[in-house]
Amino acid sequence: MTTTPTTGPAGRTVTASTVRRWSRPFVIDVRSAAEFEARHIRGSYHVPLGTLAEHSAELAEHLDDPESPLVLVCQSGVRAEQGRRHLAAAGLDRAHVLDGGVPAWAAAGGEVVLGRVAWALERQVRLVAGSLVLTGILGGRFVSPRLRLLAGGIGTGLTFSALTDTCAMGAALARLPFNREVTEPAPAAVVERVRRREPGPVR
């Protein structure tokens, strides 16, 4: 038996098992094209966060369907929450954020589409930040105490990222060639696919 969500606080997170019980959820994936290509929820729409931010008013008009519960998805929930805020600012305040993102959906037995394997940006950020902190600590001990400033700088950056709900390192990594092998879709094409209710990759 399928159910639809009842009226409640906007922007609340929702579990994968709950979404799977909903009737006709409208799932919007705000990750990069490379991440979406690697693995995405079957039937989801690809709307990169940047496109959603720049065209939130236009997209809000096409996403405002009371018959379809709106769920925003990313890798963990951070970018999806940013997308929810953009839509709320545009007047659409009924979106939910999938707790745990695509990995949680797959773990709950939800169907996913697999493609070219790629590391999620959040995983890349953890690798780079962790490596720099480790380099700073070891370098500060065996090379020069000044290298400990590197670890402090990364810690400061991560704290600022958490407080502002942004990620400068992630934005920088997204511009690297291996993260741009899959071309980001044109905003106009993204909006049109949503308008026409055509899920999947935007070619």
Protein backbone atom coordinates (compact mmCIF):
# COMPACT_ATOMS: atom_id res chain seq x y z
CA MET A 1 0.00 0.00 0.00
CA THR A 2 1.35 3.43 -0.93
CA THR A 3 0.93 6.56 1.09
CA THR A 4 1.53 10.24 0.57
CA PRO A 5 3.05 12.54 3.16
CA THR A 6 0.84 14.56 5.42
CA THR A 7 1.26 18.28 5.86
CA GLY A 8 4.17 19.06 8.14
CA PRO A 9 7.20 21.28 8.59
CA ALA A 10 8.84 22.19 5.31
CA GLY A 11 12.27 20.84 4.58
CA ARG A 12 12.16 17.96 7.03
CA THR A 13 14.40 15.03 6.18
CA VAL A 14 12.75 11.81 5.17
CA THR A 15 14.08 8.25 5.20
CA ALA A 16 14.45 6.09 2.12
CA SER A 17 12.02 3.50 3.49
CA THR A 18 9.38 6.20 3.89
CA VAL A 19 9.85 7.55 0.36
CA ARG A 20 9.53 4.04 -1.03
CA ARG A 21 6.04 3.85 0.48
CA TRP A 22 4.94 7.11 -1.13
CA SER A 23 2.87 7.20 -4.28
CA ARG A 24 4.64 8.83 -7.24
CA PRO A 25 7.40 10.76 -5.46
CA PHE A 26 9.06 13.48 -7.55
CA VAL A 27 12.77 12.86 -6.92
CA ILE A 28 15.23 15.62 -7.84
CA ASP A 29 18.95 14.75 -7.79
CA VAL A 30 21.11 17.87 -7.31
CA ARG A 31 24.54 16.22 -7.66
CA SER A 32 27.02 16.75 -10.49
CA ALA A 33 26.62 15.07 -13.87
CA ALA A 34 29.52 12.68 -13.12
CA GLU A 35 27.92 11.56 -9.85
CA PHE A 36 24.50 11.17 -11.46
CA GLU A 37 26.01 9.19 -14.31
CA ALA A 38 27.76 6.84 -11.87
CA ARG A 39 24.65 5.99 -9.84
CA HIS A 40 21.23 7.51 -9.46
CA ILE A 41 17.78 6.59 -8.26
CA ARG A 42 15.72 5.15 -11.08
CA GLY A 43 13.12 7.65 -12.20
CA SER A 44 14.87 10.64 -10.64
CA TYR A 45 15.41 13.96 -12.42
CA HIS A 46 18.88 15.45 -12.73
CA VAL A 47 18.91 19.11 -11.68
CA PRO A 48 22.46 20.15 -10.66
CA LEU A 49 22.55 22.38 -7.61
CA GLY A 50 23.98 25.31 -9.58
CA THR A 51 21.13 25.14 -12.08
CA LEU A 52 18.57 24.85 -9.31
CA ALA A 53 20.05 27.89 -7.54
CA GLU A 54 20.05 30.03 -10.68
CA HIS A 55 16.62 28.95 -11.94
CA SER A 56 14.81 28.18 -8.69
CA ALA A 57 11.77 30.34 -9.48
CA GLU A 58 11.21 28.75 -12.87
CA LEU A 59 11.81 25.23 -11.58
CA ALA A 60 9.52 25.82 -8.59
CA GLU A 61 6.63 26.37 -10.98
CA HIS A 62 7.17 22.99 -12.64
CA LEU A 63 7.85 21.13 -9.40
CA ASP A 64 4.78 22.37 -7.54
CA ASP A 65 2.57 19.30 -7.98
CA PRO A 66 0.48 18.45 -4.88
CA GLU A 67 -0.07 14.93 -6.23
CA SER A 68 3.68 14.14 -6.22
CA PRO A 69 5.70 14.41 -2.97
CA LEU A 70 8.87 16.37 -3.75
CA VAL A 71 12.16 14.84 -2.56
CA LEU A 72 15.62 16.35 -3.06
CA VAL A 73 18.59 14.00 -3.19
CA CYS A 74 22.39 14.24 -3.17
CA GLN A 75 25.15 12.03 -1.79
CA SER A 76 24.56 12.73 1.90
CA GLY A 77 21.90 15.44 2.19
CA VAL A 78 24.01 18.61 2.43
CA ARG A 79 23.56 19.81 -1.16
CA ALA A 80 19.94 18.66 -1.19
CA GLU A 81 19.28 20.88 1.83
CA GLN A 82 20.86 23.82 -0.01
CA GLY A 83 18.54 23.09 -2.93
CA ARG A 84 15.55 22.96 -0.61
CA ARG A 85 16.41 26.41 0.70
CA HIS A 86 16.61 27.82 -2.82
CA LEU A 87 13.18 26.43 -3.66
CA ALA A 88 11.75 27.68 -0.37
CA ALA A 89 13.06 31.16 -1.16
CA ALA A 90 11.26 30.90 -4.51
CA GLY A 91 7.99 30.07 -2.76
CA LEU A 92 8.03 26.27 -2.91
CA ASP A 93 8.36 25.16 0.70
CA ARG A 94 7.08 21.58 0.68
CA ALA A 95 10.27 19.81 -0.42
CA HIS A 96 11.81 17.01 1.63
CA VAL A 97 15.49 16.01 1.82
CA LEU A 98 16.36 12.32 1.56
CA ASP A 99 18.30 11.40 4.69
CA GLY A 100 21.58 9.73 3.71
CA GLY A 101 21.15 10.45 0.00
CA VAL A 102 21.56 7.92 -2.77
CA PRO A 103 23.62 5.46 -0.64
CA ALA A 104 20.80 5.27 1.89
CA TRP A 105 18.30 4.64 -0.89
CA ALA A 106 20.38 1.77 -2.25
CA ALA A 107 20.90 0.33 1.25
CA ALA A 108 17.13 0.34 1.79
CA GLY A 109 16.65 -1.77 -1.33
CA GLY A 110 15.63 1.08 -3.62
CA GLU A 111 16.33 0.64 -7.31
CA VAL A 112 19.33 2.51 -8.70
CA VAL A 113 20.80 2.90 -12.17
CA LEU A 114 24.54 2.23 -12.39
CA GLY A 115 26.88 3.80 -14.91
CA ARG A 116 30.49 4.96 -15.06
CA VAL A 117 32.12 4.68 -11.64
CA ALA A 118 33.15 8.03 -10.16
CA TRP A 119 34.02 9.22 -6.68
CA ALA A 120 31.42 11.52 -5.15
CA LEU A 121 32.65 15.06 -4.51
CA GLU A 122 32.11 14.66 -0.77
CA ARG A 123 34.40 11.63 -0.80
CA GLN A 124 37.03 13.55 -2.74
CA VAL A 125 36.80 16.41 -0.24
CA ARG A 126 37.33 13.99 2.67
CA LEU A 127 40.38 12.49 0.92
CA VAL A 128 42.01 15.84 0.12
CA ALA A 129 41.23 17.43 3.49
CA GLY A 130 42.39 14.36 5.42
CA SER A 131 45.59 14.11 3.39
CA LEU A 132 46.42 17.79 3.95
CA VAL A 133 45.78 17.54 7.70
CA LEU A 134 47.95 14.42 7.94
CA THR A 135 50.68 16.12 5.91
CA GLY A 136 50.56 19.14 8.20
CA ILE A 137 50.80 17.06 11.37
CA LEU A 138 53.61 14.79 10.15
CA GLY A 139 55.44 17.66 8.44
CA GLY A 140 55.16 19.75 11.59
CA ARG A 141 56.78 16.98 13.60
CA PHE A 142 59.54 15.88 11.24
CA VAL A 143 60.18 18.83 8.89
CA SER A 144 59.14 22.20 10.28
CA PRO A 145 56.69 23.24 13.02
CA ARG A 146 55.30 25.80 10.60
CA LEU A 147 53.73 23.03 8.55
CA ARG A 148 51.26 22.53 11.39
CA LEU A 149 49.63 25.70 10.13
CA LEU A 150 48.43 23.65 7.16
CA ALA A 151 46.39 21.39 9.43
CA GLY A 152 45.05 24.44 11.26
CA GLY A 153 44.08 26.08 8.00
CA ILE A 154 42.18 23.00 6.83
CA GLY A 155 40.43 22.76 10.18
CA THR A 156 39.42 26.41 9.94
CA GLY A 157 38.15 25.89 6.41
CA LEU A 158 36.07 22.86 7.40
CA THR A 159 34.59 24.75 10.35
CA PHE A 160 33.66 27.67 8.09
CA SER A 161 32.18 25.21 5.59
CA ALA A 162 29.97 23.68 8.26
CA LEU A 163 28.83 27.03 9.65
CA THR A 164 27.98 28.48 6.23
CA ASP A 165 26.77 25.20 4.69
CA THR A 166 29.09 25.74 1.72
CA CYS A 167 32.14 23.90 0.43
CA ALA A 168 34.83 25.86 -1.40
CA MET A 169 37.02 22.76 -1.70
CA GLY A 170 34.19 20.79 -3.30
CA ALA A 171 33.54 23.62 -5.76
CA ALA A 172 37.24 23.68 -6.67
CA LEU A 173 37.44 19.89 -7.10
CA ALA A 174 34.38 19.94 -9.33
CA ARG A 175 36.36 22.01 -11.85
CA LEU A 176 39.14 19.44 -12.22
CA PRO A 177 39.30 17.59 -15.56
CA PHE A 178 38.44 14.14 -14.20
CA ASN A 179 35.29 15.58 -12.66
CA ARG A 180 34.29 17.27 -15.90
CA GLU A 181 34.56 14.28 -18.24
CA VAL A 182 30.78 14.09 -18.10
CA THR A 183 29.50 17.46 -19.33
CA GLU A 184 27.14 19.33 -17.06
CA PRO A 185 23.75 19.74 -18.76
CA ALA A 186 22.61 23.10 -20.07
CA PRO A 187 20.19 24.79 -17.66
CA ALA A 188 17.55 25.26 -20.36
CA ALA A 189 17.63 21.54 -21.14
CA VAL A 190 17.31 20.68 -17.44
CA VAL A 191 14.26 22.91 -16.99
CA GLU A 192 12.67 21.51 -20.14
CA ARG A 193 13.13 17.91 -19.00
CA VAL A 194 11.47 18.74 -15.70
CA ARG A 195 8.63 20.55 -17.47
CA ARG A 196 8.06 17.58 -19.78
CA ARG A 197 8.40 15.07 -16.92
CA GLU A 198 11.32 13.21 -18.52
CA PRO A 199 13.57 11.74 -15.80
CA GLY A 200 17.13 10.47 -16.19
CA PRO A 201 20.35 12.02 -17.56
CA VAL A 202 19.99 15.23 -19.55
CA ARG A 203 21.73 14.72 -22.86
